[in-house]
Amino acid sequence: MVLSRLKLQSERKLTKQICRVVLDHFEKQYVKELGDSWITIRDILTSPSCWQHAILFNRFNYPFELEKDLQLKRYHTLLQGYFPYYPESLTCYVSRIPGRIPSERHQAGKLKRYYLLNAASLLPVLALEIQNGERVLDMCAAPGGKSVALLQCAYPGYFHCNEYDNLRSKWLKQTLESFIPQPMMNIIKVSELDGREIGDLQPEMFDKVLVDAPCSNDRSWLFSSDTQKASYRLNQRKELPLVQLELLRSAIKALRPGGSLVYSTCTLSKAENSEVISQVLNSHSNIFPVDMKEMASAASHDFTFAPSGQEYGLLVLPDKGKAWGPMFVAKLKKSVS
């Protein structure tokens, strides 16, 4: 039964049509920015049959039987061995073989056992290094995967999950209800604020802030079904770095002195990644970058990182057998004085 469902899902994915307008646009940009690496990346991003899915376990309803089954199928835990920050409460299984297990449906009052995600999505979560009792802000939280992952790592004293878009906010609420027990929801606030205003509304309130910014989502944009809408998105793409910069400036205001901030996107675009971080560093004397080389070294078994051009962060490149990403991650710290 499970195998037939998997086969059906795989066949449906294979019928996805690549949006030529988007591919041509990416081709021009990424050949310049990534060189020969773009050929492999393009082949993976345009071939859903190569895609992999990680399985993040829910510690609040741990799937012991599923774990045995995955181990028999030679799945392994992500980031085995030494890693700078990897809580024992966080469990994520991956396989080198493409494919996915069926996702669970939302059932009111019943917690889901696992969340399917791109394994690279855990890197911003781990980079944030949250500890029990901290005040945490997830500024652009929908659909909620990173919020759920953060809550697998620690018990924050207060957790603010924000999503400006009304429909996406409903999705976020449902995700949290599906994975987090009711008593824990008391420490979680879900809001629909414009993230660019949070810094002024809640100055220096948070120990840790995650800005998983709206971006040109390379993986999904390549399969835009509406060519007209895709063209509009591409025309608006040049506006995104300004929005991302404004979100980061707001996050810095919301961060207490000595606190840490992680910025992430799921695009390869330099303008939305390292260039945004450079602008922030050039305009904020109280913010400095955190070196992520140790994290990259520890994660190199599971991920392929761009070898150069990422002065202030890490860029995960989809690769054969490691089809994760794109994902850009940068960490910043606010000085105490």
C-alpha atoms as a PDB file:
ATOM      1  CA  MET A   1       0.000   0.000   0.000  1.00  0.00           C
ATOM      2  CA  VAL A   2       2.742   2.463   1.045  1.00  0.00           C
ATOM      3  CA  LEU A   3       4.874   1.538  -1.971  1.00  0.00           C
ATOM      4  CA  SER A   4       1.969   2.094  -4.387  1.00  0.00           C
ATOM      5  CA  ARG A   5       1.315   5.507  -2.840  1.00  0.00           C
ATOM      6  CA  LEU A   6       4.990   6.375  -3.181  1.00  0.00           C
ATOM      7  CA  LYS A   7       4.952   5.306  -6.826  1.00  0.00           C
ATOM      8  CA  LEU A   8       1.867   7.420  -7.515  1.00  0.00           C
ATOM      9  CA  GLN A   9       3.434  10.469  -5.858  1.00  0.00           C
ATOM     10  CA  SER A  10       6.623   9.976  -7.849  1.00  0.00           C
ATOM     11  CA  GLU A  11       4.690   9.751 -11.115  1.00  0.00           C
ATOM     12  CA  ARG A  12       2.758  12.923 -10.283  1.00  0.00           C
ATOM     13  CA  LYS A  13       6.010  14.770  -9.607  1.00  0.00           C
ATOM     14  CA  LEU A  14       7.482  13.618 -12.889  1.00  0.00           C
ATOM     15  CA  THR A  15       4.534  15.198 -14.735  1.00  0.00           C
ATOM     16  CA  LYS A  16       5.450  18.662 -13.421  1.00  0.00           C
ATOM     17  CA  GLN A  17       6.232  21.070 -16.222  1.00  0.00           C
ATOM     18  CA  ILE A  18       9.323  23.260 -16.054  1.00  0.00           C
ATOM     19  CA  CYS A  19       8.581  26.956 -16.532  1.00  0.00           C
ATOM     20  CA  ARG A  20      10.815  27.990 -19.415  1.00  0.00           C
ATOM     21  CA  VAL A  21      10.612  31.720 -18.592  1.00  0.00           C
ATOM     22  CA  VAL A  22      12.018  31.096 -15.107  1.00  0.00           C
ATOM     23  CA  LEU A  23      14.647  28.611 -16.277  1.00  0.00           C
ATOM     24  CA  ASP A  24      15.959  31.037 -18.923  1.00  0.00           C
ATOM     25  CA  HIS A  25      16.139  33.818 -16.328  1.00  0.00           C
ATOM     26  CA  PHE A  26      18.004  31.608 -13.836  1.00  0.00           C
ATOM     27  CA  GLU A  27      20.304  30.321 -16.574  1.00  0.00           C
ATOM     28  CA  LYS A  28      21.578  33.826 -17.390  1.00  0.00           C
ATOM     29  CA  GLN A  29      22.088  34.789 -13.752  1.00  0.00           C
ATOM     30  CA  TYR A  30      23.480  31.610 -12.228  1.00  0.00           C
ATOM     31  CA  VAL A  31      25.966  30.769 -14.972  1.00  0.00           C
ATOM     32  CA  LYS A  32      27.620  34.092 -14.084  1.00  0.00           C
ATOM     33  CA  GLU A  33      27.384  33.624 -10.312  1.00  0.00           C
ATOM     34  CA  LEU A  34      28.063  29.881  -9.955  1.00  0.00           C
ATOM     35  CA  GLY A  35      29.993  28.904 -13.093  1.00  0.00           C
ATOM     36  CA  ASP A  36      30.114  25.197 -13.904  1.00  0.00           C
ATOM     37  CA  SER A  37      28.365  24.277 -10.628  1.00  0.00           C
ATOM     38  CA  TRP A  38      25.131  25.583 -12.120  1.00  0.00           C
ATOM     39  CA  ILE A  39      24.966  22.679 -14.619  1.00  0.00           C
ATOM     40  CA  THR A  40      24.664  20.063 -11.849  1.00  0.00           C
ATOM     41  CA  ILE A  41      22.367  22.281  -9.771  1.00  0.00           C
ATOM     42  CA  ARG A  42      20.077  22.892 -12.761  1.00  0.00           C
ATOM     43  CA  ASP A  43      19.888  19.170 -13.556  1.00  0.00           C
ATOM     44  CA  ILE A  44      18.792  18.372  -9.997  1.00  0.00           C
ATOM     45  CA  LEU A  45      16.363  21.270  -9.578  1.00  0.00           C
ATOM     46  CA  THR A  46      14.621  20.386 -12.863  1.00  0.00           C
ATOM     47  CA  SER A  47      14.423  16.639 -12.049  1.00  0.00           C
ATOM     48  CA  PRO A  48      11.953  16.001  -9.194  1.00  0.00           C
ATOM     49  CA  SER A  49      12.758  12.273  -9.394  1.00  0.00           C
ATOM     50  CA  CYS A  50      16.191  13.168  -7.890  1.00  0.00           C
ATOM     51  CA  TRP A  51      14.743  15.083  -4.935  1.00  0.00           C
ATOM     52  CA  GLN A  52      15.196  13.827  -1.396  1.00  0.00           C
ATOM     53  CA  HIS A  53      13.090  14.442   1.706  1.00  0.00           C
ATOM     54  CA  ALA A  54      14.267  14.369   5.293  1.00  0.00           C
ATOM     55  CA  ILE A  55      12.024  13.026   8.063  1.00  0.00           C
ATOM     56  CA  LEU A  56      12.029  15.163  11.210  1.00  0.00           C
ATOM     57  CA  PHE A  57      10.625  13.256  14.179  1.00  0.00           C
ATOM     58  CA  ASN A  58       8.248  14.922  16.615  1.00  0.00           C
ATOM     59  CA  ARG A  59       9.631  14.459  20.123  1.00  0.00           C
ATOM     60  CA  PHE A  60       6.133  15.105  21.514  1.00  0.00           C
ATOM     61  CA  ASN A  61       4.750  12.000  19.747  1.00  0.00           C
ATOM     62  CA  TYR A  62       7.854   9.965  18.939  1.00  0.00           C
ATOM     63  CA  PRO A  63       7.379   7.382  16.114  1.00  0.00           C
ATOM     64  CA  PHE A  64       9.315   4.389  17.512  1.00  0.00           C
ATOM     65  CA  GLU A  65       7.892   1.900  14.994  1.00  0.00           C
ATOM     66  CA  LEU A  66       8.643   4.162  12.053  1.00  0.00           C
ATOM     67  CA  GLU A  67      12.198   4.563  13.323  1.00  0.00           C
ATOM     68  CA  LYS A  68      12.743   0.794  13.237  1.00  0.00           C
ATOM     69  CA  ASP A  69      11.302   0.640   9.724  1.00  0.00           C
ATOM     70  CA  LEU A  70      13.542   3.454   8.463  1.00  0.00           C
ATOM     71  CA  GLN A  71      16.629   1.850   9.977  1.00  0.00           C
ATOM     72  CA  LEU A  72      15.807  -1.405   8.194  1.00  0.00           C
ATOM     73  CA  LYS A  73      15.558   0.581   4.945  1.00  0.00           C
ATOM     74  CA  ARG A  74      19.039   2.022   5.613  1.00  0.00           C
ATOM     75  CA  TYR A  75      17.984   5.535   6.458  1.00  0.00           C
ATOM     76  CA  HIS A  76      20.493   7.236   8.737  1.00  0.00           C
ATOM     77  CA  THR A  77      20.320  10.163  11.137  1.00  0.00           C
ATOM     78  CA  LEU A  78      21.355  13.513   9.730  1.00  0.00           C
ATOM     79  CA  LEU A  79      24.721  14.978  10.768  1.00  0.00           C
ATOM     80  CA  GLN A  80      26.150  11.916  12.472  1.00  0.00           C
ATOM     81  CA  GLY A  81      29.179  12.468  14.668  1.00  0.00           C
ATOM     82  CA  TYR A  82      30.447  15.809  15.949  1.00  0.00           C
ATOM     83  CA  PHE A  83      28.421  18.973  15.292  1.00  0.00           C
ATOM     84  CA  PRO A  84      28.808  22.345  17.068  1.00  0.00           C
ATOM     85  CA  TYR A  85      25.175  22.321  18.279  1.00  0.00           C
ATOM     86  CA  TYR A  86      22.934  19.275  17.902  1.00  0.00           C
ATOM     87  CA  PRO A  87      20.473  18.618  20.764  1.00  0.00           C
ATOM     88  CA  GLU A  88      19.748  14.990  21.667  1.00  0.00           C
ATOM     89  CA  SER A  89      16.030  15.796  21.436  1.00  0.00           C
ATOM     90  CA  LEU A  90      16.333  16.516  17.685  1.00  0.00           C
ATOM     91  CA  THR A  91      16.002  13.441  15.448  1.00  0.00           C
ATOM     92  CA  CYS A  92      16.022  13.626  11.661  1.00  0.00           C
ATOM     93  CA  TYR A  93      16.418  10.688   9.263  1.00  0.00           C
ATOM     94  CA  VAL A  94      17.632  10.881   5.662  1.00  0.00           C
ATOM     95  CA  SER A  95      18.380   8.482   2.839  1.00  0.00           C
ATOM     96  CA  ARG A  96      20.834   8.824  -0.040  1.00  0.00           C
ATOM     97  CA  ILE A  97      18.162   7.326  -2.298  1.00  0.00           C
ATOM     98  CA  PRO A  98      15.571   9.768  -3.713  1.00  0.00           C
ATOM     99  CA  GLY A  99      11.974   9.318  -2.603  1.00  0.00           C
ATOM    100  CA  ARG A 100       9.639  10.215   0.217  1.00  0.00           C
ATOM    101  CA  ILE A 101       7.199   8.626   2.613  1.00  0.00           C
ATOM    102  CA  PRO A 102       3.591   9.904   2.636  1.00  0.00           C
ATOM    103  CA  SER A 103       2.963  12.983   4.771  1.00  0.00           C
ATOM    104  CA  GLU A 104       0.446  12.720   7.616  1.00  0.00           C
ATOM    105  CA  ARG A 105      -2.909  14.486   7.473  1.00  0.00           C
ATOM    106  CA  HIS A 106      -3.930  17.104  10.011  1.00  0.00           C
ATOM    107  CA  GLN A 107      -6.310  15.684  12.622  1.00  0.00           C
ATOM    108  CA  ALA A 108      -7.662  17.990  15.319  1.00  0.00           C
ATOM    109  CA  GLY A 109      -6.478  16.907  18.769  1.00  0.00           C
ATOM    110  CA  LYS A 110      -3.933  14.411  17.431  1.00  0.00           C
ATOM    111  CA  LEU A 111      -0.219  15.184  17.165  1.00  0.00           C
ATOM    112  CA  LYS A 112       1.632  14.219  14.005  1.00  0.00           C
ATOM    113  CA  ARG A 113       4.665  11.954  14.379  1.00  0.00           C
ATOM    114  CA  TYR A 114       6.951  13.452  11.732  1.00  0.00           C
ATOM    115  CA  TYR A 115       7.468  16.405   9.401  1.00  0.00           C
ATOM    116  CA  LEU A 116       8.863  16.072   5.871  1.00  0.00           C
ATOM    117  CA  LEU A 117      11.339  18.777   4.857  1.00  0.00           C
ATOM    118  CA  ASN A 118      14.399  19.676   2.858  1.00  0.00           C
ATOM    119  CA  ALA A 119      17.257  18.712   5.208  1.00  0.00           C
ATOM    120  CA  ALA A 120      19.013  22.028   4.508  1.00  0.00           C
ATOM    121  CA  SER A 121      16.132  23.745   6.325  1.00  0.00           C
ATOM    122  CA  LEU A 122      17.579  22.461   9.596  1.00  0.00           C
ATOM    123  CA  LEU A 123      20.838  24.387   9.168  1.00  0.00           C
ATOM    124  CA  PRO A 124      19.353  27.818  10.071  1.00  0.00           C
ATOM    125  CA  VAL A 125      17.655  26.172  13.069  1.00  0.00           C
ATOM    126  CA  LEU A 126      20.907  24.617  14.289  1.00  0.00           C
ATOM    127  CA  ALA A 127      22.866  27.799  13.600  1.00  0.00           C
ATOM    128  CA  LEU A 128      20.548  29.698  15.971  1.00  0.00           C
ATOM    129  CA  GLU A 129      21.629  27.415  18.877  1.00  0.00           C
ATOM    130  CA  ILE A 130      18.574  28.100  21.040  1.00  0.00           C
ATOM    131  CA  GLN A 131      18.682  27.198  24.735  1.00  0.00           C
ATOM    132  CA  ASN A 132      15.951  26.465  27.288  1.00  0.00           C
ATOM    133  CA  GLY A 133      14.268  29.579  28.637  1.00  0.00           C
ATOM    134  CA  GLU A 134      15.313  31.980  25.864  1.00  0.00           C
ATOM    135  CA  ARG A 135      12.977  34.454  24.191  1.00  0.00           C
ATOM    136  CA  VAL A 136      12.869  33.556  20.489  1.00  0.00           C
ATOM    137  CA  LEU A 137      11.373  35.260  17.434  1.00  0.00           C
ATOM    138  CA  ASP A 138      10.665  33.467  14.155  1.00  0.00           C
ATOM    139  CA  MET A 139       9.915  36.545  12.053  1.00  0.00           C
ATOM    140  CA  CYS A 140       8.661  34.923   8.802  1.00  0.00           C
ATOM    141  CA  ALA A 141       7.474  31.625  10.218  1.00  0.00           C
ATOM    142  CA  ALA A 142       5.007  30.037   7.747  1.00  0.00           C
ATOM    143  CA  PRO A 143       4.516  27.256   6.855  1.00  0.00           C
ATOM    144  CA  GLY A 144       6.019  26.371  10.248  1.00  0.00           C
ATOM    145  CA  GLY A 145       8.665  23.721   9.602  1.00  0.00           C
ATOM    146  CA  LYS A 146      11.494  25.716  11.155  1.00  0.00           C
ATOM    147  CA  SER A 147       9.283  26.691  14.123  1.00  0.00           C
ATOM    148  CA  VAL A 148       8.535  23.010  14.741  1.00  0.00           C
ATOM    149  CA  ALA A 149      12.244  22.166  14.384  1.00  0.00           C
ATOM    150  CA  LEU A 150      13.240  24.900  16.861  1.00  0.00           C
ATOM    151  CA  LEU A 151      10.832  23.406  19.401  1.00  0.00           C
ATOM    152  CA  GLN A 152      12.478  20.000  18.947  1.00  0.00           C
ATOM    153  CA  CYS A 153      15.751  21.595  20.100  1.00  0.00           C
ATOM    154  CA  ALA A 154      14.780  23.373  23.329  1.00  0.00           C
ATOM    155  CA  TYR A 155      11.972  24.772  25.471  1.00  0.00           C
ATOM    156  CA  PRO A 156      12.027  28.542  24.951  1.00  0.00           C
ATOM    157  CA  GLY A 157      10.682  30.781  27.697  1.00  0.00           C
ATOM    158  CA  TYR A 158       8.687  32.652  25.051  1.00  0.00           C
ATOM    159  CA  PHE A 159       8.354  31.884  21.345  1.00  0.00           C
ATOM    160  CA  HIS A 160       6.920  34.467  18.953  1.00  0.00           C
ATOM    161  CA  CYS A 161       5.965  33.032  15.540  1.00  0.00           C
ATOM    162  CA  ASN A 162       5.057  35.763  13.069  1.00  0.00           C
ATOM    163  CA  GLU A 163       3.620  35.538   9.555  1.00  0.00           C
ATOM    164  CA  TYR A 164       2.371  38.638   7.731  1.00  0.00           C
ATOM    165  CA  ASP A 165       0.312  36.833   5.063  1.00  0.00           C
ATOM    166  CA  ASN A 166      -3.132  35.866   6.356  1.00  0.00           C
ATOM    167  CA  LEU A 167      -3.477  32.561   4.495  1.00  0.00           C
ATOM    168  CA  ARG A 168       0.059  31.475   5.347  1.00  0.00           C
ATOM    169  CA  SER A 169      -0.570  32.433   8.980  1.00  0.00           C
ATOM    170  CA  LYS A 170      -3.498  29.992   9.117  1.00  0.00           C
ATOM    171  CA  TRP A 171      -1.196  27.317   7.689  1.00  0.00           C
ATOM    172  CA  LEU A 172       1.376  28.144  10.384  1.00  0.00           C
ATOM    173  CA  LYS A 173      -1.225  27.830  13.177  1.00  0.00           C
ATOM    174  CA  GLN A 174      -2.358  24.455  11.851  1.00  0.00           C
ATOM    175  CA  THR A 175       1.254  23.219  11.663  1.00  0.00           C
ATOM    176  CA  LEU A 176       1.902  24.216  15.277  1.00  0.00           C
ATOM    177  CA  GLU A 177      -1.356  22.599  16.439  1.00  0.00           C
ATOM    178  CA  SER A 178      -0.347  19.408  14.587  1.00  0.00           C
ATOM    179  CA  PHE A 179       3.032  19.068  16.324  1.00  0.00           C
ATOM    180  CA  ILE A 180       3.039  20.913  19.644  1.00  0.00           C
ATOM    181  CA  PRO A 181       1.109  19.735  22.739  1.00  0.00           C
ATOM    182  CA  GLN A 182      -1.519  22.131  24.064  1.00  0.00           C
ATOM    183  CA  PRO A 183       0.252  22.999  27.361  1.00  0.00           C
ATOM    184  CA  MET A 184       3.280  24.201  25.383  1.00  0.00           C
ATOM    185  CA  MET A 185       1.149  26.459  23.206  1.00  0.00           C
ATOM    186  CA  ASN A 186       0.917  28.780  26.233  1.00  0.00           C
ATOM    187  CA  ILE A 187       4.476  30.010  25.610  1.00  0.00           C
ATOM    188  CA  ILE A 188       3.860  30.504  21.876  1.00  0.00           C
ATOM    189  CA  LYS A 189       2.421  33.654  20.349  1.00  0.00           C
ATOM    190  CA  VAL A 190       1.319  33.656  16.703  1.00  0.00           C
ATOM    191  CA  SER A 191       0.921  37.063  15.055  1.00  0.00           C
ATOM    192  CA  GLU A 192       0.268  38.552  11.605  1.00  0.00           C
ATOM    193  CA  LEU A 193       2.466  41.637  11.917  1.00  0.00           C
ATOM    194  CA  ASP A 194       4.545  43.178   9.165  1.00  0.00           C
ATOM    195  CA  GLY A 195       7.971  41.864  10.157  1.00  0.00           C
ATOM    196  CA  ARG A 196       9.499  45.222   9.227  1.00  0.00           C
ATOM    197  CA  GLU A 197       7.622  46.795  12.173  1.00  0.00           C
ATOM    198  CA  ILE A 198       8.395  44.250  14.911  1.00  0.00           C
ATOM    199  CA  GLY A 199      11.697  45.884  15.852  1.00  0.00           C
ATOM    200  CA  ASP A 200       9.949  49.148  16.687  1.00  0.00           C
ATOM    201  CA  LEU A 201       7.073  47.378  18.453  1.00  0.00           C
ATOM    202  CA  GLN A 202       9.285  45.066  20.542  1.00  0.00           C
ATOM    203  CA  PRO A 203      12.769  46.621  20.809  1.00  0.00           C
ATOM    204  CA  GLU A 204      15.533  44.451  22.352  1.00  0.00           C
ATOM    205  CA  MET A 205      12.994  41.826  23.440  1.00  0.00           C
ATOM    206  CA  PHE A 206      14.571  38.651  22.051  1.00  0.00           C
ATOM    207  CA  ASP A 207      17.652  36.528  22.768  1.00  0.00           C
ATOM    208  CA  LYS A 208      17.494  34.840  19.354  1.00  0.00           C
ATOM    209  CA  VAL A 209      15.836  35.853  16.071  1.00  0.00           C
ATOM    210  CA  LEU A 210      15.354  33.797  12.908  1.00  0.00           C
ATOM    211  CA  VAL A 211      14.702  35.685   9.671  1.00  0.00           C
ATOM    212  CA  ASP A 212      13.832  33.027   7.090  1.00  0.00           C
ATOM    213  CA  ALA A 213      13.145  35.754   4.561  1.00  0.00           C
ATOM    214  CA  PRO A 214      10.701  35.821   1.646  1.00  0.00           C
ATOM    215  CA  CYS A 215      12.856  35.141  -1.415  1.00  0.00           C
ATOM    216  CA  SER A 216      12.834  33.914  -4.992  1.00  0.00           C
ATOM    217  CA  ASN A 217      12.251  30.275  -4.124  1.00  0.00           C
ATOM    218  CA  ASP A 218      14.323  28.712  -6.933  1.00  0.00           C
ATOM    219  CA  ARG A 219      13.058  25.167  -6.517  1.00  0.00           C
ATOM    220  CA  SER A 220       9.347  25.993  -6.662  1.00  0.00           C
ATOM    221  CA  TRP A 221       9.565  28.919  -9.101  1.00  0.00           C
ATOM    222  CA  LEU A 222      11.011  26.573 -11.741  1.00  0.00           C
ATOM    223  CA  PHE A 223       7.677  24.737 -11.768  1.00  0.00           C
ATOM    224  CA  SER A 224       5.372  27.775 -11.887  1.00  0.00           C
ATOM    225  CA  SER A 225       2.235  26.657 -13.736  1.00  0.00           C
ATOM    226  CA  ASP A 226       1.189  30.211 -14.655  1.00  0.00           C
ATOM    227  CA  THR A 227       3.722  31.759 -17.080  1.00  0.00           C
ATOM    228  CA  GLN A 228       2.217  35.221 -16.713  1.00  0.00           C
ATOM    229  CA  LYS A 229       2.460  35.058 -12.927  1.00  0.00           C
ATOM    230  CA  ALA A 230       6.026  33.732 -13.213  1.00  0.00           C
ATOM    231  CA  SER A 231       7.002  36.686 -15.439  1.00  0.00           C
ATOM    232  CA  TYR A 232       5.493  39.095 -12.928  1.00  0.00           C
ATOM    233  CA  ARG A 233       7.448  37.432 -10.092  1.00  0.00           C
ATOM    234  CA  LEU A 234      10.688  37.734 -12.040  1.00  0.00           C
ATOM    235  CA  ASN A 235      10.039  41.434 -12.683  1.00  0.00           C
ATOM    236  CA  GLN A 236       9.383  41.978  -8.964  1.00  0.00           C
ATOM    237  CA  ARG A 237      12.450  39.943  -7.986  1.00  0.00           C
ATOM    238  CA  LYS A 238      14.730  42.974  -7.902  1.00  0.00           C
ATOM    239  CA  GLU A 239      12.573  44.429  -5.091  1.00  0.00           C
ATOM    240  CA  LEU A 240      13.192  41.473  -2.763  1.00  0.00           C
ATOM    241  CA  PRO A 241      16.653  42.501  -1.443  1.00  0.00           C
ATOM    242  CA  LEU A 242      15.172  45.770  -0.133  1.00  0.00           C
ATOM    243  CA  VAL A 243      12.400  43.883   1.709  1.00  0.00           C
ATOM    244  CA  GLN A 244      14.967  41.434   3.095  1.00  0.00           C
ATOM    245  CA  LEU A 245      17.181  44.284   4.257  1.00  0.00           C
ATOM    246  CA  GLU A 246      14.244  45.988   6.003  1.00  0.00           C
ATOM    247  CA  LEU A 247      13.318  42.712   7.732  1.00  0.00           C
ATOM    248  CA  LEU A 248      16.906  42.304   8.939  1.00  0.00           C
ATOM    249  CA  ARG A 249      17.053  45.863  10.255  1.00  0.00           C
ATOM    250  CA  SER A 250      13.826  45.244  12.163  1.00  0.00           C
ATOM    251  CA  ALA A 251      15.227  41.966  13.529  1.00  0.00           C
ATOM    252  CA  ILE A 252      18.360  43.767  14.758  1.00  0.00           C
ATOM    253  CA  LYS A 253      16.184  46.251  16.660  1.00  0.00           C
ATOM    254  CA  ALA A 254      14.202  43.381  18.212  1.00  0.00           C
ATOM    255  CA  LEU A 255      17.399  41.613  19.302  1.00  0.00           C
ATOM    256  CA  ARG A 256      18.800  42.258  22.768  1.00  0.00           C
ATOM    257  CA  PRO A 257      22.473  43.291  23.087  1.00  0.00           C
ATOM    258  CA  GLY A 258      24.554  40.103  23.033  1.00  0.00           C
ATOM    259  CA  GLY A 259      21.818  38.220  21.164  1.00  0.00           C
ATOM    260  CA  SER A 260      22.164  36.243  17.923  1.00  0.00           C
ATOM    261  CA  LEU A 261      20.313  36.403  14.629  1.00  0.00           C
ATOM    262  CA  VAL A 262      20.191  33.935  11.739  1.00  0.00           C
ATOM    263  CA  TYR A 263      19.242  35.006   8.220  1.00  0.00           C
ATOM    264  CA  SER A 264      18.266  32.370   5.660  1.00  0.00           C
ATOM    265  CA  THR A 265      16.778  32.057   2.173  1.00  0.00           C
ATOM    266  CA  CYS A 266      16.080  29.197  -0.230  1.00  0.00           C
ATOM    267  CA  THR A 267      17.572  30.915  -3.272  1.00  0.00           C
ATOM    268  CA  LEU A 268      20.994  30.841  -4.929  1.00  0.00           C
ATOM    269  CA  SER A 269      20.797  34.558  -5.722  1.00  0.00           C
ATOM    270  CA  LYS A 270      23.794  36.552  -4.523  1.00  0.00           C
ATOM    271  CA  ALA A 271      21.701  39.746  -4.428  1.00  0.00           C
ATOM    272  CA  GLU A 272      19.361  38.162  -1.857  1.00  0.00           C
ATOM    273  CA  ASN A 273      22.078  36.430   0.139  1.00  0.00           C
ATOM    274  CA  SER A 274      25.611  37.688   0.737  1.00  0.00           C
ATOM    275  CA  GLU A 275      24.916  41.155  -0.673  1.00  0.00           C
ATOM    276  CA  VAL A 276      22.068  41.699   1.813  1.00  0.00           C
ATOM    277  CA  ILE A 277      24.350  40.666   4.685  1.00  0.00           C
ATOM    278  CA  SER A 278      27.113  42.980   3.411  1.00  0.00           C
ATOM    279  CA  GLN A 279      24.694  45.922   3.398  1.00  0.00           C
ATOM    280  CA  VAL A 280      23.619  45.172   6.971  1.00  0.00           C
ATOM    281  CA  LEU A 281      27.204  44.931   8.210  1.00  0.00           C
ATOM    282  CA  ASN A 282      28.175  48.141   6.427  1.00  0.00           C
ATOM    283  CA  SER A 283      25.313  50.062   8.021  1.00  0.00           C
ATOM    284  CA  HIS A 284      25.308  48.644  11.595  1.00  0.00           C
ATOM    285  CA  SER A 285      28.412  49.133  13.729  1.00  0.00           C
ATOM    286  CA  ASN A 286      26.876  47.020  16.540  1.00  0.00           C
ATOM    287  CA  ILE A 287      26.468  43.905  14.359  1.00  0.00           C
ATOM    288  CA  PHE A 288      29.226  41.472  13.421  1.00  0.00           C
ATOM    289  CA  PRO A 289      29.259  38.167  11.508  1.00  0.00           C
ATOM    290  CA  VAL A 290      29.742  34.791  13.181  1.00  0.00           C
ATOM    291  CA  ASP A 291      32.222  32.466  11.465  1.00  0.00           C
ATOM    292  CA  MET A 292      30.414  29.355  10.164  1.00  0.00           C
ATOM    293  CA  LYS A 293      33.399  27.387   8.868  1.00  0.00           C
ATOM    294  CA  GLU A 294      33.174  24.880  11.742  1.00  0.00           C
ATOM    295  CA  MET A 295      29.535  24.214  10.939  1.00  0.00           C
ATOM    296  CA  ALA A 296      30.306  23.757   7.233  1.00  0.00           C
ATOM    297  CA  SER A 297      33.111  21.324   7.997  1.00  0.00           C
ATOM    298  CA  ALA A 298      30.929  19.262  10.345  1.00  0.00           C
ATOM    299  CA  ALA A 299      28.048  19.167   7.838  1.00  0.00           C
ATOM    300  CA  SER A 300      30.113  18.451   4.708  1.00  0.00           C
ATOM    301  CA  HIS A 301      29.272  14.720   4.777  1.00  0.00           C
ATOM    302  CA  ASP A 302      25.575  15.497   4.227  1.00  0.00           C
ATOM    303  CA  PHE A 303      25.667  18.789   2.305  1.00  0.00           C
ATOM    304  CA  THR A 304      27.564  20.394  -0.566  1.00  0.00           C
ATOM    305  CA  PHE A 305      28.510  24.030   0.057  1.00  0.00           C
ATOM    306  CA  ALA A 306      29.543  26.701  -2.445  1.00  0.00           C
ATOM    307  CA  PRO A 307      33.350  26.735  -2.309  1.00  0.00           C
ATOM    308  CA  SER A 308      33.717  30.498  -2.728  1.00  0.00           C
ATOM    309  CA  GLY A 309      31.895  33.824  -2.912  1.00  0.00           C
ATOM    310  CA  GLN A 310      30.204  33.410   0.489  1.00  0.00           C
ATOM    311  CA  GLU A 311      32.195  35.689   2.745  1.00  0.00           C
ATOM    312  CA  TYR A 312      29.503  35.968   5.425  1.00  0.00           C
ATOM    313  CA  GLY A 313      27.567  32.703   5.320  1.00  0.00           C
ATOM    314  CA  LEU A 314      27.025  29.247   3.848  1.00  0.00           C
ATOM    315  CA  LEU A 315      25.270  28.383   0.592  1.00  0.00           C
ATOM    316  CA  VAL A 316      24.003  24.807   0.223  1.00  0.00           C
ATOM    317  CA  LEU A 317      24.138  23.661  -3.414  1.00  0.00           C
ATOM    318  CA  PRO A 318      21.933  20.771  -4.619  1.00  0.00           C
ATOM    319  CA  ASP A 319      24.275  17.954  -5.630  1.00  0.00           C
ATOM    320  CA  LYS A 320      24.071  14.323  -6.739  1.00  0.00           C
ATOM    321  CA  GLY A 321      23.239  12.168  -3.717  1.00  0.00           C
ATOM    322  CA  LYS A 322      22.904  15.364  -1.648  1.00  0.00           C
ATOM    323  CA  ALA A 323      19.965  17.007  -3.391  1.00  0.00           C
ATOM    324  CA  TRP A 324      19.350  19.462  -0.520  1.00  0.00           C
ATOM    325  CA  GLY A 325      18.943  23.188  -0.876  1.00  0.00           C
ATOM    326  CA  PRO A 326      19.320  25.775  -2.196  1.00  0.00           C
ATOM    327  CA  MET A 327      19.731  27.266   1.268  1.00  0.00           C
ATOM    328  CA  PHE A 328      21.722  30.292   2.342  1.00  0.00           C
ATOM    329  CA  VAL A 329      22.504  30.701   6.051  1.00  0.00           C
ATOM    330  CA  ALA A 330      24.281  33.588   7.773  1.00  0.00           C
ATOM    331  CA  LYS A 331      24.636  34.258  11.498  1.00  0.00           C
ATOM    332  CA  LEU A 332      25.036  37.692  13.081  1.00  0.00           C
ATOM    333  CA  LYS A 333      25.654  38.789  16.666  1.00  0.00           C
ATOM    334  CA  LYS A 334      24.720  42.058  18.335  1.00  0.00           C
ATOM    335  CA  SER A 335      27.437  43.625  20.461  1.00  0.00           C
ATOM    336  CA  VAL A 336      26.749  44.163  24.156  1.00  0.00           C
ATOM    337  CA  SER A 337      27.656  47.878  24.132  1.00  0.00           C
END
